[in-house]
Structures are given as structure tokens and as C-alpha cells.
Protein backbone atom coordinates (compact mmCIF):
# COMPACT_ATOMS: atom_id res chain seq x y z
CA UNK A 1 -55.85 -48.76 7.65
CA UNK A 2 -55.07 -45.17 6.68
CA UNK A 3 -55.82 -43.71 3.24
CA UNK A 4 -54.01 -40.64 1.91
CA UNK A 5 -54.10 -38.64 -1.30
CA UNK A 6 -50.42 -37.77 -1.05
CA UNK A 7 -47.46 -38.16 1.27
CA UNK A 8 -44.08 -36.47 1.34
CA UNK A 9 -41.05 -36.47 3.61
CA UNK A 10 -39.37 -33.11 3.17
CA UNK A 11 -36.45 -30.93 4.21
CA UNK A 12 -36.84 -27.17 4.01
CA UNK A 13 -36.19 -23.69 5.31
CA UNK A 14 -37.76 -21.76 8.18
CA UNK A 15 -37.49 -18.05 8.89
CA UNK A 16 -36.51 -16.69 12.30
CA UNK A 17 -40.12 -17.09 13.47
CA UNK A 18 -40.13 -20.79 12.62
CA UNK A 19 -42.40 -20.28 9.60
CA UNK A 20 -41.86 -22.38 6.49
CA UNK A 21 -40.38 -20.64 3.44
CA UNK A 22 -39.95 -23.70 1.19
CA UNK A 23 -39.79 -27.51 1.29
CA UNK A 24 -37.91 -30.05 -0.86
CA UNK A 25 -39.50 -33.50 -1.20
CA UNK A 26 -37.05 -35.98 -2.76
CA UNK A 27 -39.67 -38.69 -3.40
CA UNK A 28 -43.28 -37.49 -3.05
CA UNK A 29 -45.98 -40.12 -3.24
CA UNK A 30 -49.38 -39.92 -4.91
CA UNK A 31 -52.03 -42.28 -3.50
CA UNK A 32 -49.56 -44.19 -1.30
CA UNK A 33 -50.53 -47.70 -0.31
CA UNK A 34 -52.58 -48.07 2.84
CA UNK A 35 -49.68 -49.98 4.41
CA UNK A 36 -47.26 -47.08 3.85
CA UNK A 37 -49.80 -44.49 4.97
CA UNK A 38 -50.59 -46.49 8.11
CA UNK A 39 -46.88 -46.95 8.89
CA UNK A 40 -46.29 -43.19 8.82
CA UNK A 41 -49.51 -42.46 10.72
CA UNK A 42 -48.63 -44.85 13.56
CA UNK A 43 -45.16 -43.42 14.13
CA UNK A 44 -46.27 -39.77 13.92
CA UNK A 45 -49.55 -40.22 15.84
CA UNK A 46 -51.48 -38.93 12.84
CA UNK A 47 -55.22 -38.88 13.43
CA UNK A 48 -56.57 -37.60 10.13
CA UNK A 49 -56.90 -34.53 7.96
CA UNK A 50 -54.20 -32.77 5.97
CA UNK A 51 -51.23 -31.99 8.18
CA UNK A 52 -47.61 -30.87 8.01
CA UNK A 53 -45.94 -32.56 10.98
CA UNK A 54 -42.50 -31.34 12.06
CA UNK A 55 -40.02 -34.21 12.36
CA UNK A 56 -37.32 -34.54 14.98
CA UNK A 57 -34.47 -37.01 14.70
CA UNK A 58 -35.90 -39.29 17.39
CA UNK A 59 -38.78 -40.20 15.07
CA UNK A 60 -36.67 -40.98 12.00
CA UNK A 61 -35.30 -44.36 13.08
CA UNK A 62 -38.71 -45.82 13.95
CA UNK A 63 -40.17 -44.20 10.83
CA UNK A 64 -37.57 -45.83 8.60
CA UNK A 65 -38.20 -49.22 10.19
CA UNK A 66 -41.97 -48.88 9.79
CA UNK A 67 -41.63 -47.89 6.12
CA UNK A 68 -39.29 -50.80 5.45
CA UNK A 69 -41.79 -53.20 7.03
CA UNK A 70 -44.58 -51.63 4.95
CA UNK A 71 -42.73 -52.49 1.73
CA UNK A 72 -41.38 -49.05 0.87
CA UNK A 73 -37.56 -49.25 0.93
CA UNK A 74 -37.27 -46.00 -1.07
CA UNK A 75 -39.15 -43.98 1.56
CA UNK A 76 -37.27 -45.80 4.30
CA UNK A 77 -34.00 -44.68 2.69
CA UNK A 78 -35.23 -41.07 2.66
CA UNK A 79 -36.09 -41.28 6.36
CA UNK A 80 -32.64 -42.72 7.14
CA UNK A 81 -30.89 -39.96 5.19
CA UNK A 82 -32.84 -37.35 7.15
CA UNK A 83 -31.24 -38.55 10.40
CA UNK A 84 -28.17 -36.46 9.60
CA UNK A 85 -30.03 -33.31 8.54
CA UNK A 86 -29.15 -29.93 9.99
CA UNK A 87 -32.23 -28.40 8.36
CA UNK A 88 -35.91 -28.41 9.43
CA UNK A 89 -37.75 -31.61 8.50
CA UNK A 90 -41.43 -32.23 7.85
CA UNK A 91 -43.81 -35.05 7.01
CA UNK A 92 -46.73 -33.76 4.96
CA UNK A 93 -49.84 -35.91 4.79
CA UNK A 94 -52.72 -34.91 2.51
CA UNK A 95 -55.92 -36.71 3.37
CA UNK A 96 -57.64 -35.51 0.20
CA UNK A 97 -57.10 -33.41 -2.90
CA UNK A 98 -58.08 -30.05 -1.43
CA UNK A 99 -56.76 -26.50 -1.58
CA UNK A 100 -53.36 -26.30 0.16
CA UNK A 101 -53.53 -24.51 3.50
CA UNK A 102 -49.82 -24.36 4.36
CA UNK A 103 -46.45 -23.92 2.66
CA UNK A 104 -45.50 -27.62 3.04
CA UNK A 105 -48.84 -28.65 1.51
CA UNK A 106 -48.42 -26.23 -1.39
CA UNK A 107 -44.89 -27.36 -2.12
CA UNK A 108 -45.92 -31.01 -2.03
CA UNK A 109 -48.54 -30.35 -4.69
CA UNK A 110 -46.06 -28.46 -6.87
CA UNK A 111 -43.68 -31.41 -6.55
CA UNK A 112 -46.41 -33.82 -7.64
CA UNK A 113 -46.72 -31.94 -10.94
CA UNK A 114 -43.00 -31.54 -11.62
CA UNK A 115 -42.40 -35.20 -10.76
CA UNK A 116 -45.01 -36.02 -13.45
CA UNK A 117 -47.27 -37.72 -10.91
CA UNK A 118 -50.17 -35.46 -11.92
CA UNK A 119 -50.65 -33.24 -14.96
CA UNK A 120 -51.60 -29.56 -14.90
CA UNK A 121 -55.16 -29.12 -13.60
CA UNK A 122 -54.80 -32.59 -12.08
CA UNK A 123 -54.62 -31.37 -8.49
CA UNK A 124 -56.41 -28.59 -6.61
CA UNK A 125 -54.23 -25.47 -6.26
CA UNK A 126 -56.92 -22.95 -5.24
CA UNK A 127 -55.50 -20.25 -2.98
CA UNK A 128 -51.89 -21.25 -3.56
CA UNK A 129 -50.75 -17.68 -4.22
CA UNK A 130 -52.06 -16.56 -0.86
CA UNK A 131 -50.46 -19.53 0.90
CA UNK A 132 -46.90 -19.20 -0.40
CA UNK A 133 -44.69 -16.38 0.91
CA UNK A 134 -42.64 -14.08 -1.29
CA UNK A 135 -39.04 -15.19 -0.81
CA UNK A 136 -35.56 -14.01 -1.76
CA UNK A 137 -33.93 -16.90 -3.64
CA UNK A 138 -30.19 -16.63 -3.14
CA UNK A 139 -26.94 -18.57 -3.43
CA UNK A 140 -27.45 -19.32 0.27
CA UNK A 141 -30.98 -20.62 -0.21
CA UNK A 142 -34.37 -19.13 0.57
CA UNK A 143 -34.34 -16.06 2.83
CA UNK A 144 -37.28 -14.22 4.38
CA UNK A 145 -37.49 -10.73 2.87
CA UNK A 146 -37.60 -9.12 6.31
CA UNK A 147 -34.34 -10.88 7.19
CA UNK A 148 -32.58 -10.17 3.89
CA UNK A 149 -30.88 -6.83 4.78
CA UNK A 150 -29.22 -8.34 7.85
CA UNK A 151 -28.08 -11.39 5.88
CA UNK A 152 -26.67 -9.16 3.13
CA UNK A 153 -24.74 -7.10 5.66
CA UNK A 154 -23.40 -10.18 7.41
CA UNK A 155 -22.25 -11.65 4.12
CA UNK A 156 -20.35 -8.45 3.30
CA UNK A 157 -18.73 -8.41 6.72
CA UNK A 158 -17.59 -11.97 6.07
CA UNK A 159 -16.06 -10.92 2.77
CA UNK A 160 -18.81 -12.70 0.82
CA UNK A 161 -21.50 -11.71 -1.65
CA UNK A 162 -25.09 -12.76 -1.06
CA UNK A 163 -26.36 -13.18 -4.61
CA UNK A 164 -30.13 -12.66 -4.90
CA UNK A 165 -31.25 -14.50 -8.04
CA UNK A 166 -34.89 -13.42 -7.79
CA UNK A 167 -37.69 -12.44 -5.43
CA UNK A 168 -40.72 -14.62 -6.05
CA UNK A 169 -43.22 -17.04 -4.57
CA UNK A 170 -42.01 -19.86 -6.80
CA UNK A 171 -38.45 -21.19 -7.11
CA UNK A 172 -36.98 -22.58 -10.29
CA UNK A 173 -37.96 -26.19 -10.87
CA UNK A 174 -34.48 -27.59 -11.42
CA UNK A 175 -33.42 -26.80 -7.85
CA UNK A 176 -36.03 -29.36 -6.80
CA UNK A 177 -36.77 -31.66 -9.74
CA UNK A 178 -34.93 -32.45 -12.98
CA UNK A 179 -37.25 -34.71 -15.01
CA UNK A 180 -35.68 -37.38 -17.17
CA UNK A 181 -35.27 -36.89 -20.91
CA UNK A 182 -35.52 -33.08 -21.16
CA UNK A 183 -33.31 -30.17 -22.17
CA UNK A 184 -33.68 -26.80 -20.42
CA UNK A 185 -31.35 -24.10 -21.70
CA UNK A 186 -32.24 -21.43 -19.09
CA UNK A 187 -33.37 -23.10 -15.87
CA UNK A 188 -34.55 -19.88 -14.21
CA UNK A 189 -37.37 -19.71 -16.78
CA UNK A 190 -39.10 -22.90 -15.58
CA UNK A 191 -40.93 -22.64 -12.25
CA UNK A 192 -41.49 -25.42 -9.73
CA UNK A 193 -44.90 -26.87 -10.51
CA UNK A 194 -44.20 -27.08 -14.24
CA UNK A 195 -44.83 -30.42 -15.96
CA UNK A 196 -42.08 -31.06 -18.54
CA UNK A 197 -42.77 -34.20 -20.54
CA UNK A 198 -40.02 -36.46 -21.82
CA UNK A 199 -38.50 -35.30 -25.09
CA UNK A 200 -39.17 -31.62 -24.42
CA UNK A 201 -36.54 -29.02 -25.28
CA UNK A 202 -36.93 -25.58 -23.71
CA UNK A 203 -34.66 -23.04 -25.38
CA UNK A 204 -33.20 -19.94 -23.73
CA UNK A 205 -36.28 -17.74 -24.26
CA UNK A 206 -38.78 -20.46 -23.45
CA UNK A 207 -40.78 -20.07 -20.22
CA UNK A 208 -43.04 -22.51 -18.36
CA UNK A 209 -45.16 -21.39 -15.42
CA UNK A 210 -46.49 -23.56 -12.58
CA UNK A 211 -49.52 -25.79 -13.26
CA UNK A 212 -48.57 -25.74 -16.94
CA UNK A 213 -46.29 -27.65 -19.26
CA UNK A 214 -45.79 -30.08 -22.10
CA UNK A 215 -46.72 -33.64 -22.93
CA UNK A 216 -43.48 -33.98 -24.90
CA UNK A 217 -41.76 -34.30 -27.23
CA UNK A 218 -41.69 -30.69 -28.37
CA UNK A 219 -39.64 -27.54 -28.86
CA UNK A 220 -40.51 -24.57 -26.66
CA UNK A 221 -39.09 -21.16 -27.53
CA UNK A 222 -42.13 -19.19 -26.35
CA UNK A 223 -44.18 -18.72 -23.20
CA UNK A 224 -46.39 -21.37 -21.62
CA UNK A 225 -48.51 -19.44 -19.13
CA UNK A 226 -50.09 -20.79 -15.96
CA UNK A 227 -52.72 -23.42 -16.68
CA UNK A 228 -51.66 -24.08 -20.29
CA UNK A 229 -50.76 -27.60 -21.43
CA UNK A 230 -49.08 -28.32 -24.77
CA UNK A 231 -49.69 -31.64 -26.53
CA UNK A 232 -47.12 -34.03 -27.94
CA UNK A 233 -45.18 -33.07 -31.03
CA UNK A 234 -46.10 -29.38 -30.82
CA UNK A 235 -43.62 -26.52 -31.21
CA UNK A 236 -43.83 -22.97 -29.86
CA UNK A 237 -41.74 -20.52 -31.89
CA UNK A 238 -39.52 -17.79 -30.49
CA UNK A 239 -41.37 -15.09 -28.58
CA UNK A 240 -44.81 -16.65 -28.99
CA UNK A 241 -47.36 -16.50 -26.19
CA UNK A 242 -50.17 -18.58 -24.71
CA UNK A 243 -52.71 -16.67 -22.64
CA UNK A 244 -53.07 -18.20 -19.18
CA UNK A 245 -55.72 -17.75 -16.53
CA UNK A 246 -53.35 -15.36 -14.73
CA UNK A 247 -52.74 -13.16 -17.77
CA UNK A 248 -56.21 -12.27 -18.98
CA UNK A 249 -57.66 -15.62 -19.99
CA UNK A 250 -60.27 -15.58 -17.25
CA UNK A 251 -61.80 -19.00 -16.69
CA UNK A 252 -61.03 -20.25 -20.21
CA UNK A 253 -58.51 -23.08 -20.05
CA UNK A 254 -56.06 -22.55 -22.88
CA UNK A 255 -54.35 -25.61 -24.34
CA UNK A 256 -52.44 -26.61 -27.44
CA UNK A 257 -53.22 -29.94 -29.07
CA UNK A 258 -50.88 -32.46 -30.67
CA UNK A 259 -48.61 -31.57 -33.60
CA UNK A 260 -49.36 -27.84 -33.56
CA UNK A 261 -47.11 -24.95 -34.48
CA UNK A 262 -47.21 -21.42 -33.06
CA UNK A 263 -45.02 -19.22 -35.21
CA UNK A 264 -42.52 -16.73 -33.84
CA UNK A 265 -44.21 -13.90 -31.91
CA UNK A 266 -47.64 -15.46 -32.43
CA UNK A 267 -50.15 -15.86 -29.62
CA UNK A 268 -53.39 -17.60 -28.69
CA UNK A 269 -56.24 -16.79 -26.34
CA UNK A 270 -58.26 -19.87 -27.35
CA UNK A 271 -57.51 -23.58 -26.99
CA UNK A 272 -56.25 -25.26 -30.16
CA UNK A 273 -57.15 -28.73 -31.35
CA UNK A 274 -54.66 -31.04 -33.04
CA UNK A 275 -52.53 -30.16 -36.09
CA UNK A 276 -53.18 -26.42 -35.96
CA UNK A 277 -50.85 -23.66 -37.13
CA UNK A 278 -50.82 -19.99 -36.17
CA UNK A 279 -48.84 -17.76 -38.51
CA UNK A 280 -45.83 -15.88 -37.13
CA UNK A 281 -46.77 -12.56 -35.57
CA UNK A 282 -50.51 -13.29 -35.40
CA UNK A 283 -52.18 -13.02 -31.98
CA UNK A 284 -55.65 -14.55 -31.74
CA UNK A 285 -57.90 -13.66 -28.81
CA UNK A 286 -61.31 -15.17 -28.12
CA UNK A 287 -63.02 -12.10 -29.58
CA UNK A 288 -60.93 -11.85 -32.75
CA UNK A 289 -63.02 -11.71 -35.92
CA UNK A 290 -61.99 -14.56 -38.22
CA UNK A 291 -62.93 -15.25 -41.83
CA UNK A 292 -63.31 -19.01 -42.19
CA UNK A 293 -62.23 -20.42 -45.56
CA UNK A 294 -63.00 -23.88 -46.92
CA UNK A 295 -60.61 -26.29 -48.67
CA UNK A 296 -61.00 -24.24 -51.87
CA UNK A 297 -60.07 -20.98 -50.14
CA UNK A 298 -63.65 -19.65 -50.42
CA UNK A 299 -65.25 -17.68 -47.59
CA UNK A 300 -67.79 -19.73 -45.62
CA UNK A 301 -68.55 -17.48 -42.67
CA UNK A 302 -67.18 -14.76 -40.40
CA UNK A 303 -67.00 -15.92 -36.78
CA UNK A 304 -65.39 -15.03 -33.46
CA UNK A 305 -62.24 -17.03 -32.73
CA UNK A 306 -63.92 -18.57 -29.67
CA UNK A 307 -66.22 -20.44 -32.09
CA UNK A 308 -63.15 -22.28 -33.40
CA UNK A 309 -61.83 -23.26 -29.97
CA UNK A 310 -60.61 -26.83 -29.75
CA UNK A 311 -61.15 -27.63 -33.44
CA UNK A 312 -58.40 -29.46 -35.31
CA UNK A 313 -56.61 -28.98 -38.63
CA UNK A 314 -56.83 -25.19 -38.74
CA UNK A 315 -54.40 -22.69 -40.24
CA UNK A 316 -54.68 -19.14 -38.86
CA UNK A 317 -53.12 -16.39 -40.98
CA UNK A 318 -53.45 -12.70 -41.76
CA UNK A 319 -54.34 -11.68 -45.31
CA UNK A 320 -51.65 -9.20 -46.33
CA UNK A 321 -53.93 -7.61 -48.93
CA UNK A 322 -56.91 -6.70 -46.78
CA UNK A 323 -55.55 -7.26 -43.24
CA UNK A 324 -58.29 -9.66 -42.16
CA UNK A 325 -57.57 -12.71 -40.00
CA UNK A 326 -58.36 -15.91 -41.90
CA UNK A 327 -58.72 -19.52 -40.89
CA UNK A 328 -58.23 -22.09 -43.61
CA UNK A 329 -59.35 -25.69 -43.17
CA UNK A 330 -59.19 -28.87 -45.19
CA UNK A 331 -63.00 -29.29 -45.14
CA UNK A 332 -65.52 -28.52 -47.86
CA UNK A 333 -67.88 -25.58 -47.41
CA UNK A 334 -70.81 -27.87 -46.53
CA UNK A 335 -68.90 -29.96 -43.99
CA UNK A 336 -67.33 -26.88 -42.48
CA UNK A 337 -70.65 -25.05 -42.15
CA UNK A 338 -72.18 -28.07 -40.39
CA UNK A 339 -69.27 -28.23 -37.95
CA UNK A 340 -69.42 -24.52 -37.16
CA UNK A 341 -73.09 -24.72 -36.25
CA UNK A 342 -73.10 -28.17 -34.64
CA UNK A 343 -73.20 -26.82 -31.08
CA UNK A 344 -75.39 -23.75 -31.71
């Protein structure tokens, strides 16, 4: 029997050289059953390792039959629908959760996240940027940048306009996956590979990068950078920012706990625990000097913000009288002092 980490039957786009630009997987599988994996392996002569195997129509009938016999009517239906495709087809088999080494492998992993099969940081994406090509995303689909001028000219000669929406390595998520139970006001601001939990509303200025997202429910009017995950019941105010690993956060994994609030134009460079609030306009980096106040509003200690990372029930604010950044808690001075020094 064959074991796989993930399996996807996909339809995509090749450039003139036959290289993959993007792949759409209608129903990706995580940890498919050994019966399903073996059915695909037998038809495609798969012998192990992670592979992206080009599909021709002659294989689709036997593949659909094998998947039906293996107890996967959904995948069988996908294989049957592919029989009429005029686009390049691929079967991507991932033997293990390893860094993607091809465009089909990378797109399968991004689909796993956006389909809510794995959460951010739940699958290995090392080297993804180097694997995916920069592509012109247009009203006629993905186009290789080297081929774009010719396609633009041809469109004009045909009396058409080739509309280039963006030039990027990542397409917008909703052209591939629309998760159930969400609202997304501006779809171009959510990349494929985002995890959008049920009950999440993303307003027009909200942005969610790949390998990032929300548990849901929540209201997002700010930026969720790559690698950042926002807990349930948390709101990000207009223009606020979370520092991701691609925007200066280094190896620190930034996250927002449950029932937190980041005020408008606020920002964090540390992970927050549950029930935390950051005042509007206040940006906290790991090195920010913070005056920690107890439940009586008395100063307990001055610390770096990194010392408060992951702690719950904190209110970050700026004192308008002296300009210092303060953190108020609901703990007594003694309890708070013990917590601050617990891991020292």
C-alpha cells in the first residue's frame, strides 16, 4: 500500500516552454487513505517520492475507475471532469511534508492552507519564494512575463484589452478557493495560501498574506503579514499592522491570541496572548521600552516588550503626559512581579 502526505489532481497554465505558471486543485487531499493513494499510484506508475506527473486524457478514465473502486467518488468525479479539459493537467503526489521543489508542489501546499486542511505553519514552505515564478495575472489568466508584450499586442490587434491586475508570485485566493462562512470586501488583498476561518470579515483595507490568517470569527481591517495567525474573536482595526517574518520580524513568530483588539493604526512586533488590547496609533516592537503597571496603576518595572510576549490580559497604551509606553494588567504588584521573572 502507498502512503502519501498530500495528493491533488490539478489543472493549470504552462508557458511556451512547457513550464508551470500556476495550478488549480479543486479538491486537494491531506493524508489520503492508503487505498486512494495506491489507486493513483497504480494508474500513474508512481514509484515514490514527491512528484508532479503530467496527465493525458488516456489516463483519466482508468484513474476515475480506480478512485471510485478505492472509495473516493469525489476524486473520481474530478478525474472524470478533467477528461474534457483543454488545459494542462497534473497529478501532484507529496510523499512527505517537505519543502516544495516545483510549482505544482508549491501550489498544492498553498491550497491545503486555504482549504483549511492545515493552519499557518502547519506545512513546510521553505524555499517557496524561489520555487514560484513571477507571473502577470490578467483577465486571460496567468501569463509568463516574457510572453506578456506579445499577448498584449495580439489582444490590441483583436480589438481587445489585456487587463493586467497585478504582477506577483501569488494569485488572489478567491480565484482558487472561497472558504465557507466568510466575507471578503476586496478579494485582491487576500493571497492564495491564506487561512480564513469561518466567521471572518475582511474589510476593504484588510490584507492577509500567505501562510497567515484567522481562526475566526473576527473583523480584519488591518494587515496580517506572512506567518501571523489571529485567534478567535479578535479584531484588527483600520490600518493596523502585524509584523511578519518577511517584514522585519526575523525568526519571531508573531501571533494574536483570542479576543484581542488592535486599535486603528496600531502595530505589534511581539506575539500577544489572549484578551490583549493595543491602543490606536501605538506600534510595539520587541525592543520597545514598556512601563508595566499593576492593577492599581502603580509602576512595577520597566521592561522590553519582548518580555511581555505571549502574556494575556494586557492593555498597551501611551501616556499622553510623559510619552512613555505603558502596559496595564489586572494583576497585583506581587503577582505581576513573579510572572515577569518566572522564566529568568
